[in-house]
Amino acid sequence: MRSVLTINSGSSSLRFALFNVSESLPQILIGKFDRIGLPDAKLTFTDVLANQSHDRMVDAPDHVACVPLLVELLEKKIRVESVGAIGHRVVHGGPRYRDPLRVDKPVLEELRRISSFAPNHLPASIELMEVCAAKFPQVPQIACFDTAFHSALPRVAKLLPIPRRYEAKGVQRYGFHGLSYSFLMQELEAVAGAKAAGGRVILAHLGNGASLAAVRDGKSVDTSMGFTPAAGLVMSTRSGDLDPGLVAFLGRSEQMTETQFDRMIHHESGLLGVSETSSDMRDLLAREAADVRAAEAVALFCYQAKKWIGAFAAALGGLDTLVFAGGIGENTPAIRTRICEGLGFLGIELNEARNAENAPVISAQSGRVTVRIIRTNEELMIARSACRILGLGTVNKKD
């Protein structure tokens, strides 16, 4: 049986999954390298067929160091030569790349050229592709771009209000979480039909990284993230939108360098920065009754998400469906309740019993807007794209 390996690299993590190539693309292995670059880096994985989970500490000073460990794991679970494709999540495709495509030398050269667009992600992705090419020289690699879902944004949503000459350098709103949003729209059509998927939809991908997207006729018309994933909604450690005047102010008052500012907005801000204790929403909810800092971090997150929903409902001219996804969006009833409070004027009303159960549909029957929870799956989206590009959708029974 042939298989597809997916690799989803973050700034300090690397998620992977292995799928059997068949009509339903069943998952046979899933795992994650976490805290890459730190002394306590860890590998966790689940053998889906055996229903067994394992974890262990590993030496992973960078993303490339994870590849031999991953190959070792694959050799224990399958015939490595059965891997028919490797699909990569690539955070940024720049102005050129929109659709999934096969990785070759010109693609790698273009990604190197735009590495400054996503310096926390693209260099590691390029290295991973090169190492995978060396380890699996006969296996085609497919790049799936997280910006692609938003590539047809209306011009008014893409434009950034800075001197026009920077647009020629590729400076515009790109938006991210595109693989998640593509999957959510496919699932929405599967569970609710083409009419619902073609209506006015707001997708809320709320996790360590968090963003929202406004979708009409199945296409993204606006999204909260911008030129980089640091923009928009407050996140676990990312600031979200800030007054750009802070750059000059902190440079003057604290002699903060460009590198220090970049680290602050990506790694020291968001829920962590406001609470001063944790970037994890579960920790903050547990502490909010006794710690005003935790309470304010939770309140800020919910308030900003509520504002984005209101703004996107205005951009869409109304709202038919609201979808919650991501670790927070899928698993935290209290956050969904707080975000939706006061949005009855838009037609958003929750059934609190169903919300508490994390049910697929959590809206009240009296509400005009259908509110759903859809569990996102970026890895499956990557696998589907790889199979489509390479024509692996049909597998002979003898395989």
Protein backbone atom coordinates (compact mmCIF):
# COMPACT_ATOMS: atom_id res chain seq x y z
CA MET A 1 0.00 0.00 0.00
CA ARG A 2 1.37 3.39 -0.99
CA SER A 3 1.40 6.23 1.53
CA VAL A 4 1.72 9.99 1.70
CA LEU A 5 3.82 11.73 4.34
CA THR A 6 2.83 15.24 5.38
CA ILE A 7 5.13 17.69 7.14
CA ASN A 8 3.76 20.79 8.86
CA SER A 9 6.54 22.88 10.34
CA GLY A 10 6.04 25.77 12.74
CA SER A 11 8.57 28.13 14.24
CA SER A 12 9.50 25.66 17.02
CA SER A 13 7.52 22.54 16.13
CA LEU A 14 7.10 20.01 13.36
CA ARG A 15 3.90 18.02 12.95
CA PHE A 16 3.81 14.99 10.68
CA ALA A 17 1.27 12.43 9.54
CA LEU A 18 1.22 9.37 7.33
CA PHE A 19 -1.79 8.49 5.19
CA ASN A 20 -2.62 5.38 3.19
CA VAL A 21 -3.42 6.30 -0.38
CA SER A 22 -7.03 5.27 -0.86
CA GLU A 23 -10.32 7.05 -1.41
CA SER A 24 -10.71 8.12 2.22
CA LEU A 25 -6.96 8.68 2.90
CA PRO A 26 -6.97 6.94 6.30
CA GLN A 27 -4.38 8.20 8.74
CA ILE A 28 -2.00 5.54 10.01
CA LEU A 29 0.54 7.60 11.97
CA ILE A 30 0.50 11.08 13.44
CA GLY A 31 3.02 12.91 15.58
CA LYS A 32 4.80 16.05 16.56
CA PHE A 33 8.27 17.28 17.43
CA ASP A 34 7.84 20.07 19.97
CA ARG A 35 10.12 22.70 21.52
CA ILE A 36 12.66 22.37 18.70
CA GLY A 37 15.86 24.22 19.54
CA LEU A 38 15.41 23.82 23.30
CA PRO A 39 17.02 21.27 25.65
CA ASP A 40 13.66 19.61 26.42
CA ALA A 41 12.59 18.91 22.81
CA LYS A 42 10.05 16.11 22.66
CA LEU A 43 8.64 13.65 20.13
CA THR A 44 5.08 12.42 20.57
CA PHE A 45 3.34 10.12 18.11
CA THR A 46 0.33 7.87 17.77
CA ASP A 47 0.18 4.63 15.82
CA VAL A 48 -3.43 4.93 14.70
CA LEU A 49 -3.78 1.30 13.57
CA ALA A 50 -2.44 -0.08 16.86
CA ASN A 51 -4.16 2.66 18.89
CA GLN A 52 -0.93 3.26 20.78
CA SER A 53 0.67 6.58 21.74
CA HIS A 54 4.27 7.21 22.72
CA ASP A 55 6.50 10.12 23.67
CA ARG A 56 10.17 10.62 24.37
CA MET A 57 12.74 13.36 24.73
CA VAL A 58 14.88 13.93 21.66
CA ASP A 59 17.89 15.96 20.58
CA ALA A 60 16.41 18.42 18.08
CA PRO A 61 18.53 21.59 17.85
CA ASP A 62 16.75 22.53 14.61
CA HIS A 63 14.05 21.27 12.23
CA VAL A 64 16.52 19.41 10.03
CA ALA A 65 17.62 17.29 13.00
CA CYS A 66 14.08 15.92 13.19
CA VAL A 67 14.25 14.25 9.76
CA PRO A 68 16.55 11.30 10.68
CA LEU A 69 14.40 10.70 13.77
CA LEU A 70 11.29 10.74 11.61
CA VAL A 71 12.85 8.34 9.07
CA GLU A 72 13.82 6.01 11.92
CA LEU A 73 10.24 6.05 13.17
CA LEU A 74 8.83 5.40 9.68
CA GLU A 75 11.18 2.45 9.18
CA LYS A 76 9.73 0.83 12.29
CA LYS A 77 6.14 1.32 11.13
CA ILE A 78 6.11 0.85 7.34
CA ARG A 79 8.23 0.07 4.32
CA VAL A 80 9.85 3.46 3.70
CA GLU A 81 9.92 2.76 -0.03
CA SER A 82 6.11 2.76 0.04
CA VAL A 83 6.09 6.54 0.61
CA GLY A 84 4.78 7.89 -2.69
CA ALA A 85 4.79 11.59 -1.90
CA ILE A 86 5.81 14.11 0.74
CA GLY A 87 3.56 17.12 1.22
CA HIS A 88 4.78 20.25 3.02
CA ARG A 89 2.83 23.09 4.56
CA VAL A 90 4.64 26.24 3.45
CA VAL A 91 3.57 29.29 5.42
CA HIS A 92 4.16 31.89 2.72
CA GLY A 93 3.87 31.67 -1.06
CA GLY A 94 4.52 35.36 -1.67
CA PRO A 95 2.81 37.06 -4.62
CA ARG A 96 3.71 34.27 -7.06
CA TYR A 97 2.55 30.94 -5.63
CA ARG A 98 -1.15 30.27 -5.18
CA ASP A 99 -1.81 26.60 -5.88
CA PRO A 100 -0.06 23.51 -4.51
CA LEU A 101 2.85 22.56 -6.75
CA ARG A 102 5.69 20.12 -7.10
CA VAL A 103 8.94 21.25 -5.51
CA ASP A 104 11.85 21.72 -7.88
CA LYS A 105 14.93 23.91 -8.08
CA PRO A 106 13.14 27.05 -9.36
CA VAL A 107 10.54 26.74 -6.59
CA LEU A 108 13.25 26.52 -3.94
CA GLU A 109 15.02 29.52 -5.45
CA GLU A 110 11.84 31.60 -5.34
CA LEU A 111 11.18 30.59 -1.72
CA ARG A 112 14.71 31.64 -0.81
CA ARG A 113 14.11 34.97 -2.51
CA ILE A 114 11.02 35.66 -0.39
CA SER A 115 12.40 34.20 2.85
CA SER A 116 12.33 37.65 4.43
CA PHE A 117 8.52 37.56 4.15
CA ALA A 118 8.42 34.80 6.80
CA PRO A 119 11.86 34.55 8.41
CA ASN A 120 10.56 32.45 11.31
CA HIS A 121 9.20 29.78 8.97
CA LEU A 122 10.45 29.75 5.38
CA PRO A 123 14.17 29.02 5.95
CA ALA A 124 13.29 25.93 8.00
CA SER A 125 10.77 24.77 5.38
CA ILE A 126 13.38 25.12 2.61
CA GLU A 127 15.93 23.14 4.62
CA LEU A 128 13.38 20.42 5.29
CA MET A 129 12.61 20.08 1.59
CA GLU A 130 16.29 19.84 0.76
CA VAL A 131 16.94 17.22 3.43
CA CYS A 132 13.87 15.22 2.39
CA ALA A 133 15.09 15.32 -1.22
CA ALA A 134 18.40 13.84 -0.07
CA LYS A 135 16.77 11.18 2.10
CA PHE A 136 14.03 10.31 -0.42
CA PRO A 137 15.54 11.22 -3.81
CA GLN A 138 12.88 9.40 -5.86
CA VAL A 139 9.89 10.73 -3.89
CA PRO A 140 8.14 13.83 -5.26
CA GLN A 141 7.54 16.67 -2.83
CA ILE A 142 4.52 18.96 -2.95
CA ALA A 143 4.45 22.46 -1.44
CA CYS A 144 1.06 23.60 -0.11
CA PHE A 145 0.91 27.31 0.64
CA ASP A 146 -0.93 28.67 3.67
CA THR A 147 -1.51 31.96 1.84
CA ALA A 148 -3.20 30.36 -1.17
CA PHE A 149 -6.78 30.40 0.16
CA HIS A 150 -6.66 34.20 0.33
CA SER A 151 -4.92 34.77 -3.02
CA ALA A 152 -8.09 36.11 -4.67
CA LEU A 153 -8.85 38.68 -1.97
CA PRO A 154 -10.53 41.79 -3.36
CA ARG A 155 -7.97 44.47 -4.08
CA VAL A 156 -9.37 46.77 -1.40
CA ALA A 157 -8.71 44.03 1.19
CA LYS A 158 -5.16 43.37 -0.09
CA LEU A 159 -3.95 46.97 -0.15
CA LEU A 160 -1.87 48.26 2.75
CA PRO A 161 -1.95 52.04 3.33
CA ILE A 162 1.76 52.69 2.88
CA PRO A 163 3.61 54.20 -0.10
CA ARG A 164 2.56 52.41 -3.28
CA ARG A 165 6.15 51.57 -4.28
CA TYR A 166 6.24 48.82 -1.63
CA GLU A 167 3.43 46.95 -3.33
CA ALA A 168 5.83 46.24 -6.20
CA LYS A 169 8.04 44.45 -3.65
CA GLY A 170 5.16 42.18 -2.68
CA VAL A 171 4.01 44.04 0.43
CA GLN A 172 0.27 43.43 0.78
CA ARG A 173 -2.23 41.55 2.93
CA TYR A 174 -1.73 37.83 2.33
CA GLY A 175 -3.58 36.10 5.15
CA PHE A 176 -2.72 32.70 6.58
CA HIS A 177 -4.28 29.51 8.00
CA GLY A 178 -5.29 28.86 4.39
CA LEU A 179 -4.93 25.08 4.58
CA SER A 180 -7.21 25.04 7.61
CA TYR A 181 -9.74 27.31 5.92
CA SER A 182 -9.74 25.23 2.73
CA PHE A 183 -10.42 22.11 4.78
CA LEU A 184 -13.17 23.82 6.79
CA MET A 185 -14.94 24.95 3.63
CA GLN A 186 -14.79 21.44 2.16
CA GLU A 187 -16.18 20.01 5.39
CA LEU A 188 -18.87 22.68 5.59
CA GLU A 189 -20.10 21.72 2.14
CA ALA A 190 -19.97 18.03 3.09
CA VAL A 191 -22.06 18.45 6.27
CA ALA A 192 -24.31 21.37 5.35
CA GLY A 193 -24.48 21.40 1.56
CA ALA A 194 -23.39 23.66 -1.25
CA LYS A 195 -25.86 26.40 -0.36
CA ALA A 196 -24.35 26.84 3.13
CA ALA A 197 -20.78 26.75 1.78
CA GLY A 198 -21.73 29.34 -0.84
CA GLY A 199 -23.30 31.70 1.68
CA ARG A 200 -21.88 34.33 3.98
CA VAL A 201 -19.44 32.51 6.26
CA ILE A 202 -17.02 33.55 8.99
CA LEU A 203 -14.34 31.02 9.87
CA ALA A 204 -12.63 31.42 13.25
CA HIS A 205 -9.42 29.40 13.52
CA LEU A 206 -8.58 29.91 17.19
CA GLY A 207 -5.47 28.17 18.47
CA ASN A 208 -1.94 29.17 19.46
CA GLY A 209 -2.07 31.09 16.21
CA ALA A 210 -5.48 32.67 15.72
CA SER A 211 -7.21 34.33 12.80
CA LEU A 212 -10.62 34.81 11.22
CA ALA A 213 -11.68 34.85 7.60
CA ALA A 214 -14.76 36.21 5.85
CA VAL A 215 -15.90 33.95 3.01
CA ARG A 216 -18.58 34.54 0.40
CA ASP A 217 -19.40 32.23 -2.53
CA GLY A 218 -16.67 29.94 -1.21
CA LYS A 219 -13.95 32.59 -1.61
CA SER A 220 -12.04 34.58 0.99
CA VAL A 221 -13.02 38.25 0.90
CA ASP A 222 -11.07 39.35 4.00
CA THR A 223 -8.96 37.93 6.79
CA SER A 224 -7.47 39.21 10.03
CA MET A 225 -3.81 38.30 9.45
CA GLY A 226 -1.87 40.55 7.10
CA PHE A 227 1.57 40.64 5.49
CA THR A 228 2.76 38.33 8.29
CA PRO A 229 0.99 35.98 10.73
CA ALA A 230 1.69 38.44 13.56
CA ALA A 231 -1.23 40.68 12.55
CA GLY A 232 -4.88 40.60 13.54
CA LEU A 233 -6.28 38.92 16.63
CA VAL A 234 -4.26 38.63 19.85
CA MET A 235 -2.73 35.12 20.01
CA SER A 236 -0.89 32.90 22.46
CA THR A 237 2.44 34.72 22.18
CA ARG A 238 1.88 36.98 19.15
CA SER A 239 0.63 40.50 19.64
CA GLY A 240 -1.84 40.80 16.80
CA ASP A 241 -2.48 44.34 15.54
CA LEU A 242 -0.44 47.10 17.17
CA ASP A 243 0.04 50.83 16.71
CA PRO A 244 3.04 51.01 14.32
CA GLY A 245 4.25 54.04 16.27
CA LEU A 246 5.38 51.60 18.97
CA VAL A 247 8.41 50.69 16.85
CA ALA A 248 9.85 54.20 17.07
CA PHE A 249 8.71 54.73 20.67
CA LEU A 250 10.38 51.56 22.00
CA GLY A 251 13.45 52.26 19.89
CA ARG A 252 13.82 55.68 21.53
CA SER A 253 12.75 54.84 25.07
CA GLU A 254 14.34 51.39 25.46
CA GLN A 255 16.82 51.30 22.56
CA MET A 256 14.90 48.25 21.34
CA THR A 257 16.41 46.86 18.14
CA GLU A 258 14.54 45.48 15.16
CA THR A 259 15.43 41.93 16.26
CA GLN A 260 14.26 42.54 19.82
CA PHE A 261 10.98 44.03 18.62
CA ASP A 262 10.40 41.08 16.30
CA ARG A 263 11.00 38.65 19.14
CA MET A 264 8.69 40.59 21.45
CA ILE A 265 5.71 40.61 19.09
CA HIS A 266 6.12 36.93 18.12
CA HIS A 267 7.23 35.24 21.32
CA GLU A 268 6.63 37.50 24.33
CA SER A 269 3.28 39.14 23.66
CA GLY A 270 -0.34 38.03 23.25
CA LEU A 271 -1.88 36.03 26.09
CA LEU A 272 1.57 35.46 27.59
CA GLY A 273 2.47 39.13 27.58
CA VAL A 274 -0.81 40.32 29.09
CA SER A 275 -1.10 37.56 31.70
CA GLU A 276 2.63 37.39 32.51
CA THR A 277 2.06 33.73 33.41
CA SER A 278 0.99 31.54 30.50
CA SER A 279 0.26 31.46 26.79
CA ASP A 280 -2.19 28.58 27.25
CA MET A 281 -5.87 29.49 27.36
CA ARG A 282 -6.61 26.52 29.63
CA ASP A 283 -4.18 27.83 32.27
CA LEU A 284 -5.65 31.31 32.06
CA LEU A 285 -9.24 30.13 32.47
CA ALA A 286 -8.18 28.14 35.53
CA ARG A 287 -6.47 31.20 37.06
CA GLU A 288 -8.78 34.04 36.05
CA ALA A 289 -10.85 34.05 39.27
CA ALA A 290 -7.72 34.65 41.37
CA ASP A 291 -5.46 36.55 38.94
CA VAL A 292 -6.68 39.74 37.27
CA ARG A 293 -3.90 39.49 34.68
CA ALA A 294 -5.21 36.11 33.51
CA ALA A 295 -8.76 37.45 33.48
CA GLU A 296 -7.75 40.45 31.38
CA ALA A 297 -5.89 38.26 28.87
CA VAL A 298 -8.98 36.07 28.40
CA ALA A 299 -11.26 39.10 28.14
CA LEU A 300 -8.99 40.75 25.55
CA PHE A 301 -8.96 37.63 23.38
CA CYS A 302 -12.75 37.28 23.42
CA TYR A 303 -13.35 41.01 22.91
CA GLN A 304 -11.08 41.16 19.89
CA ALA A 305 -12.60 38.03 18.34
CA LYS A 306 -16.06 39.55 18.82
CA LYS A 307 -14.93 42.74 17.06
CA TRP A 308 -13.54 40.83 14.10
CA ILE A 309 -16.81 38.90 13.73
CA GLY A 310 -18.72 42.18 13.72
CA ALA A 311 -16.36 43.71 11.18
CA PHE A 312 -16.52 40.73 8.86
CA ALA A 313 -20.30 40.53 9.11
CA ALA A 314 -20.30 44.12 7.85
CA ALA A 315 -17.91 43.24 5.01
CA LEU A 316 -20.15 40.30 4.04
CA GLY A 317 -23.38 42.25 4.29
CA GLY A 318 -24.72 39.84 6.90
CA LEU A 319 -23.93 36.37 8.17
CA ASP A 320 -25.29 32.87 7.57
CA THR A 321 -22.71 30.58 9.20
CA LEU A 322 -20.07 30.98 11.89
CA VAL A 323 -17.52 28.17 12.23
CA PHE A 324 -15.21 27.67 15.21
CA ALA A 325 -12.04 25.61 14.69
CA GLY A 326 -8.54 25.24 16.13
CA GLY A 327 -7.57 24.05 19.60
CA ILE A 328 -9.37 26.85 21.44
CA GLY A 329 -12.26 27.14 19.01
CA GLU A 330 -12.99 23.41 19.03
CA ASN A 331 -12.54 22.61 22.71
CA THR A 332 -13.36 25.63 24.89
CA PRO A 333 -17.09 26.26 25.41
CA ALA A 334 -16.50 29.22 27.76
CA ILE A 335 -14.53 31.11 25.11
CA ARG A 336 -17.15 30.50 22.43
CA THR A 337 -19.85 31.73 24.84
CA ARG A 338 -17.99 34.93 25.65
CA ILE A 339 -17.20 35.65 22.01
CA CYS A 340 -20.85 35.22 20.99
CA GLU A 341 -22.37 37.16 23.91
CA GLY A 342 -24.00 40.35 22.66
CA LEU A 343 -24.02 39.27 19.01
CA GLY A 344 -27.73 38.52 18.96
CA PHE A 345 -28.23 41.56 16.73
CA LEU A 346 -26.33 39.62 14.03
CA GLY A 347 -28.51 36.56 14.58
CA ILE A 348 -25.93 34.67 16.66
CA GLU A 349 -27.47 32.77 19.57
CA LEU A 350 -25.95 29.70 21.22
CA ASN A 351 -27.60 26.60 22.63
CA GLU A 352 -25.53 26.43 25.80
CA ALA A 353 -26.15 22.72 26.40
CA ARG A 354 -24.89 21.82 22.94
CA ASN A 355 -22.05 24.32 23.27
CA ALA A 356 -20.96 22.67 26.52
CA GLU A 357 -20.84 19.31 24.70
CA ASN A 358 -18.71 20.67 21.82
CA ALA A 359 -21.50 19.50 19.52
CA PRO A 360 -21.17 19.94 15.73
CA VAL A 361 -23.96 22.56 15.72
CA ILE A 362 -24.10 24.80 18.80
CA SER A 363 -26.52 27.52 17.70
CA ALA A 364 -30.01 27.88 19.12
CA GLN A 365 -32.94 27.12 16.83
CA SER A 366 -34.12 30.70 17.30
CA GLY A 367 -30.85 32.10 15.94
CA ARG A 368 -30.65 33.19 12.31
CA VAL A 369 -26.97 32.21 12.09
CA THR A 370 -25.88 28.57 12.19
CA VAL A 371 -22.90 28.26 14.53
CA ARG A 372 -20.78 25.16 14.00
CA ILE A 373 -17.70 23.47 15.39
CA ILE A 374 -15.60 21.76 12.71
CA ARG A 375 -12.40 20.03 13.70
CA THR A 376 -9.78 21.19 11.27
CA ASN A 377 -7.18 18.93 9.69
CA GLU A 378 -4.37 20.69 7.84
CA GLU A 379 -2.46 17.43 7.38
CA LEU A 380 -5.36 15.79 5.55
CA MET A 381 -5.65 18.86 3.33
CA ILE A 382 -1.95 18.56 2.45
CA ALA A 383 -2.35 14.84 1.69
CA ARG A 384 -5.38 15.50 -0.54
CA SER A 385 -3.44 18.15 -2.46
CA ALA A 386 -0.41 15.89 -2.93
CA CYS A 387 -2.58 13.05 -4.22
CA ARG A 388 -4.40 15.37 -6.61
CA ILE A 389 -1.21 16.89 -8.02
CA LEU A 390 0.46 13.51 -8.52
CA GLY A 391 -2.63 11.57 -9.60
CA LEU A 392 -2.51 9.23 -6.62
CA GLY A 393 -6.24 9.35 -5.94
CA THR A 394 -6.92 5.81 -7.14
CA VAL A 395 -5.11 2.85 -5.66
CA ASN A 396 -5.27 -0.63 -7.18
CA LYS A 397 -6.38 -3.31 -4.76
CA LYS A 398 -3.17 -5.23 -5.41
CA ASP A 399 -1.27 -2.29 -3.88
